[in-house]
PDB file of N, CA and C in Angstrom:
ATOM      1  N   MET A   1     -17.294 -11.862 -19.251  1.00  0.00           N
ATOM      2  CA  MET A   1     -18.461 -12.706 -19.191  1.00  0.00           C
ATOM      3  C   MET A   1     -17.974 -14.151 -19.102  1.00  0.00           C
ATOM      4  N   PRO A   2     -18.443 -14.913 -18.143  1.00  0.00           N
ATOM      5  CA  PRO A   2     -18.000 -16.305 -18.029  1.00  0.00           C
ATOM      6  C   PRO A   2     -18.350 -17.111 -19.281  1.00  0.00           C
ATOM      7  N   ASP A   3     -17.377 -17.851 -19.777  1.00  0.00           N
ATOM      8  CA  ASP A   3     -17.572 -18.682 -20.964  1.00  0.00           C
ATOM      9  C   ASP A   3     -16.612 -19.865 -20.852  1.00  0.00           C
ATOM     10  N   LYS A   4     -17.127 -20.996 -20.400  1.00  0.00           N
ATOM     11  CA  LYS A   4     -16.289 -22.179 -20.154  1.00  0.00           C
ATOM     12  C   LYS A   4     -15.558 -22.635 -21.416  1.00  0.00           C
ATOM     13  N   ASP A   5     -16.239 -22.627 -22.575  1.00  0.00           N
ATOM     14  CA  ASP A   5     -15.586 -23.052 -23.819  1.00  0.00           C
ATOM     15  C   ASP A   5     -14.428 -22.133 -24.180  1.00  0.00           C
ATOM     16  N   ALA A   6     -14.645 -20.832 -24.041  1.00  0.00           N
ATOM     17  CA  ALA A   6     -13.591 -19.867 -24.344  1.00  0.00           C
ATOM     18  C   ALA A   6     -12.407 -20.060 -23.392  1.00  0.00           C
ATOM     19  N   GLU A   7     -12.699 -20.258 -22.114  1.00  0.00           N
ATOM     20  CA  GLU A   7     -11.638 -20.448 -21.119  1.00  0.00           C
ATOM     21  C   GLU A   7     -10.800 -21.678 -21.434  1.00  0.00           C
ATOM     22  N   GLN A   8     -11.427 -22.736 -21.903  1.00  0.00           N
ATOM     23  CA  GLN A   8     -10.688 -23.948 -22.246  1.00  0.00           C
ATOM     24  C   GLN A   8      -9.716 -23.700 -23.392  1.00  0.00           C
ATOM     25  N   ASP A   9     -10.042 -22.743 -24.250  1.00  0.00           N
ATOM     26  CA  ASP A   9      -9.162 -22.391 -25.365  1.00  0.00           C
ATOM     27  C   ASP A   9      -8.176 -21.289 -24.997  1.00  0.00           C
ATOM     28  N   GLY A  10      -8.217 -20.822 -23.739  1.00  0.00           N
ATOM     29  CA  GLY A  10      -7.319 -19.760 -23.299  1.00  0.00           C
ATOM     30  C   GLY A  10      -7.806 -18.370 -23.654  1.00  0.00           C
ATOM     31  N   ASP A  11      -9.111 -18.231 -23.900  1.00  0.00           N
ATOM     32  CA  ASP A  11      -9.685 -16.939 -24.289  1.00  0.00           C
ATOM     33  C   ASP A  11     -10.601 -16.390 -23.203  1.00  0.00           C
ATOM     34  N   LEU A  12     -10.891 -15.092 -23.317  1.00  0.00           N
ATOM     35  CA  LEU A  12     -11.877 -14.425 -22.469  1.00  0.00           C
ATOM     36  C   LEU A  12     -12.927 -13.801 -23.374  1.00  0.00           C
ATOM     37  N   ARG A  13     -14.189 -13.890 -22.969  1.00  0.00           N
ATOM     38  CA  ARG A  13     -15.265 -13.209 -23.696  1.00  0.00           C
ATOM     39  C   ARG A  13     -15.449 -11.852 -23.031  1.00  0.00           C
ATOM     40  N   ILE A  14     -15.276 -10.793 -23.822  1.00  0.00           N
ATOM     41  CA  ILE A  14     -15.344  -9.424 -23.326  1.00  0.00           C
ATOM     42  C   ILE A  14     -16.553  -8.743 -23.959  1.00  0.00           C
ATOM     43  N   ILE A  15     -17.330  -8.043 -23.144  1.00  0.00           N
ATOM     44  CA  ILE A  15     -18.478  -7.280 -23.632  1.00  0.00           C
ATOM     45  C   ILE A  15     -18.104  -5.802 -23.599  1.00  0.00           C
ATOM     46  N   ASP A  16     -18.237  -5.136 -24.741  1.00  0.00           N
ATOM     47  CA  ASP A  16     -17.889  -3.715 -24.785  1.00  0.00           C
ATOM     48  C   ASP A  16     -19.079  -2.837 -24.385  1.00  0.00           C
ATOM     49  N   GLU A  17     -18.864  -1.529 -24.411  1.00  0.00           N
ATOM     50  CA  GLU A  17     -19.883  -0.592 -23.940  1.00  0.00           C
ATOM     51  C   GLU A  17     -21.148  -0.596 -24.796  1.00  0.00           C
ATOM     52  N   SER A  18     -21.070  -1.117 -26.016  1.00  0.00           N
ATOM     53  CA  SER A  18     -22.267  -1.181 -26.861  1.00  0.00           C
ATOM     54  C   SER A  18     -23.070  -2.460 -26.642  1.00  0.00           C
ATOM     55  N   GLY A  19     -22.506  -3.378 -25.839  1.00  0.00           N
ATOM     56  CA  GLY A  19     -23.181  -4.638 -25.577  1.00  0.00           C
ATOM     57  C   GLY A  19     -22.716  -5.770 -26.471  1.00  0.00           C
ATOM     58  N   GLU A  20     -21.823  -5.473 -27.436  1.00  0.00           N
ATOM     59  CA  GLU A  20     -21.271  -6.517 -28.303  1.00  0.00           C
ATOM     60  C   GLU A  20     -20.221  -7.312 -27.526  1.00  0.00           C
ATOM     61  N   ASP A  21     -20.136  -8.628 -27.832  1.00  0.00           N
ATOM     62  CA  ASP A  21     -19.130  -9.432 -27.147  1.00  0.00           C
ATOM     63  C   ASP A  21     -18.129  -9.986 -28.154  1.00  0.00           C
ATOM     64  N   TYR A  22     -16.886 -10.125 -27.689  1.00  0.00           N
ATOM     65  CA  TYR A  22     -15.770 -10.561 -28.515  1.00  0.00           C
ATOM     66  C   TYR A  22     -14.900 -11.517 -27.716  1.00  0.00           C
ATOM     67  N   LEU A  23     -14.179 -12.388 -28.409  1.00  0.00           N
ATOM     68  CA  LEU A  23     -13.211 -13.274 -27.766  1.00  0.00           C
ATOM     69  C   LEU A  23     -11.815 -12.707 -27.980  1.00  0.00           C
ATOM     70  N   PHE A  24     -11.032 -12.705 -26.896  1.00  0.00           N
ATOM     71  CA  PHE A  24      -9.645 -12.267 -26.939  1.00  0.00           C
ATOM     72  C   PHE A  24      -8.792 -13.275 -26.188  1.00  0.00           C
ATOM     73  N   PRO A  25      -7.524 -13.398 -26.561  1.00  0.00           N
ATOM     74  CA  PRO A  25      -6.631 -14.250 -25.762  1.00  0.00           C
ATOM     75  C   PRO A  25      -6.561 -13.719 -24.324  1.00  0.00           C
ATOM     76  N   ALA A  26      -6.683 -14.602 -23.367  1.00  0.00           N
ATOM     77  CA  ALA A  26      -6.660 -14.204 -21.954  1.00  0.00           C
ATOM     78  C   ALA A  26      -5.360 -13.497 -21.587  1.00  0.00           C
ATOM     79  N   GLU A  27      -4.284 -13.818 -22.286  1.00  0.00           N
ATOM     80  CA  GLU A  27      -2.989 -13.214 -21.965  1.00  0.00           C
ATOM     81  C   GLU A  27      -2.943 -11.716 -22.271  1.00  0.00           C
ATOM     82  N   TYR A  28      -3.929 -11.189 -22.975  1.00  0.00           N
ATOM     83  CA  TYR A  28      -4.005  -9.756 -23.259  1.00  0.00           C
ATOM     84  C   TYR A  28      -4.463  -8.955 -22.041  1.00  0.00           C
ATOM     85  N   PHE A  29      -4.964  -9.628 -20.994  1.00  0.00           N
ATOM     86  CA  PHE A  29      -5.603  -8.952 -19.875  1.00  0.00           C
ATOM     87  C   PHE A  29      -4.990  -9.352 -18.543  1.00  0.00           C
ATOM     88  N   VAL A  30      -5.117  -8.449 -17.597  1.00  0.00           N
ATOM     89  CA  VAL A  30      -4.789  -8.731 -16.199  1.00  0.00           C
ATOM     90  C   VAL A  30      -6.110  -8.628 -15.447  1.00  0.00           C
ATOM     91  N   LEU A  31      -6.520  -9.728 -14.825  1.00  0.00           N
ATOM     92  CA  LEU A  31      -7.772  -9.717 -14.068  1.00  0.00           C
ATOM     93  C   LEU A  31      -7.541  -9.049 -12.723  1.00  0.00           C
ATOM     94  N   ALA A  32      -8.458  -8.187 -12.336  1.00  0.00           N
ATOM     95  CA  ALA A  32      -8.340  -7.449 -11.081  1.00  0.00           C
ATOM     96  C   ALA A  32      -9.550  -7.746 -10.206  1.00  0.00           C
ATOM     97  N   GLU A  33      -9.313  -8.021  -8.953  1.00  0.00           N
ATOM     98  CA  GLU A  33     -10.386  -8.186  -7.974  1.00  0.00           C
ATOM     99  C   GLU A  33     -10.775  -6.796  -7.483  1.00  0.00           C
ATOM    100  N   LEU A  34     -12.052  -6.488  -7.542  1.00  0.00           N
ATOM    101  CA  LEU A  34     -12.552  -5.201  -7.071  1.00  0.00           C
ATOM    102  C   LEU A  34     -13.304  -5.390  -5.762  1.00  0.00           C
ATOM    103  N   PRO A  35     -13.259  -4.391  -4.884  1.00  0.00           N
ATOM    104  CA  PRO A  35     -14.121  -4.436  -3.705  1.00  0.00           C
ATOM    105  C   PRO A  35     -15.576  -4.526  -4.155  1.00  0.00           C
ATOM    106  N   ASP A  36     -16.411  -5.157  -3.358  1.00  0.00           N
ATOM    107  CA  ASP A  36     -17.815  -5.372  -3.728  1.00  0.00           C
ATOM    108  C   ASP A  36     -18.518  -4.086  -4.143  1.00  0.00           C
ATOM    109  N   GLU A  37     -18.320  -3.017  -3.411  1.00  0.00           N
ATOM    110  CA  GLU A  37     -18.996  -1.755  -3.722  1.00  0.00           C
ATOM    111  C   GLU A  37     -18.543  -1.218  -5.081  1.00  0.00           C
ATOM    112  N   ALA A  38     -17.260  -1.287  -5.372  1.00  0.00           N
ATOM    113  CA  ALA A  38     -16.751  -0.822  -6.666  1.00  0.00           C
ATOM    114  C   ALA A  38     -17.326  -1.660  -7.798  1.00  0.00           C
ATOM    115  N   ALA A  39     -17.412  -2.970  -7.614  1.00  0.00           N
ATOM    116  CA  ALA A  39     -17.979  -3.853  -8.635  1.00  0.00           C
ATOM    117  C   ALA A  39     -19.445  -3.513  -8.866  1.00  0.00           C
ATOM    118  N   ARG A  40     -20.204  -3.279  -7.801  1.00  0.00           N
ATOM    119  CA  ARG A  40     -21.621  -2.918  -7.936  1.00  0.00           C
ATOM    120  C   ARG A  40     -21.785  -1.607  -8.703  1.00  0.00           C
ATOM    121  N   LEU A  41     -20.962  -0.616  -8.382  1.00  0.00           N
ATOM    122  CA  LEU A  41     -21.047   0.673  -9.066  1.00  0.00           C
ATOM    123  C   LEU A  41     -20.702   0.536 -10.546  1.00  0.00           C
ATOM    124  N   LEU A  42     -19.693  -0.232 -10.845  1.00  0.00           N
ATOM    125  CA  LEU A  42     -19.289  -0.437 -12.237  1.00  0.00           C
ATOM    126  C   LEU A  42     -20.394  -1.144 -13.009  1.00  0.00           C
ATOM    127  N   ILE A  43     -20.946  -2.195 -12.450  1.00  0.00           N
ATOM    128  CA  ILE A  43     -22.009  -2.936 -13.102  1.00  0.00           C
ATOM    129  C   ILE A  43     -23.240  -2.053 -13.295  1.00  0.00           C
ATOM    130  N   SER A  44     -23.590  -1.291 -12.276  1.00  0.00           N
ATOM    131  CA  SER A  44     -24.785  -0.445 -12.395  1.00  0.00           C
ATOM    132  C   SER A  44     -24.597   0.662 -13.423  1.00  0.00           C
ATOM    133  N   SER A  45     -23.357   1.110 -13.645  1.00  0.00           N
ATOM    134  CA  SER A  45     -23.129   2.152 -14.638  1.00  0.00           C
ATOM    135  C   SER A  45     -23.381   1.640 -16.063  1.00  0.00           C
ATOM    136  N   PHE A  46     -23.215   0.337 -16.295  1.00  0.00           N
ATOM    137  CA  PHE A  46     -23.482  -0.243 -17.603  1.00  0.00           C
ATOM    138  C   PHE A  46     -24.954  -0.560 -17.784  1.00  0.00           C
ATOM    139  N   ALA A  47     -25.674  -0.727 -16.692  1.00  0.00           N
ATOM    140  CA  ALA A  47     -27.094  -1.076 -16.762  1.00  0.00           C
ATOM    141  C   ALA A  47     -27.955   0.165 -17.034  1.00  0.00           C
ATOM    142  N   ALA A  48     -27.398   1.331 -16.824  1.00  0.00           N
ATOM    143  CA  ALA A  48     -28.170   2.579 -16.982  1.00  0.00           C
ATOM    144  C   ALA A  48     -28.445   2.917 -18.419  1.00  0.00           C
TER     145      ALA A  48
END
């Protein structure tokens, strides 16, 4: 989830499957670019 304040501190805001959000150091993650269709499917699976 985009969070400018968290990014300035080197953190990422992550939302888990229950809808709760947490801050983690960005270095814990590797960001991956997904094809548009894959991103849509992933997002829609959480909206269900």
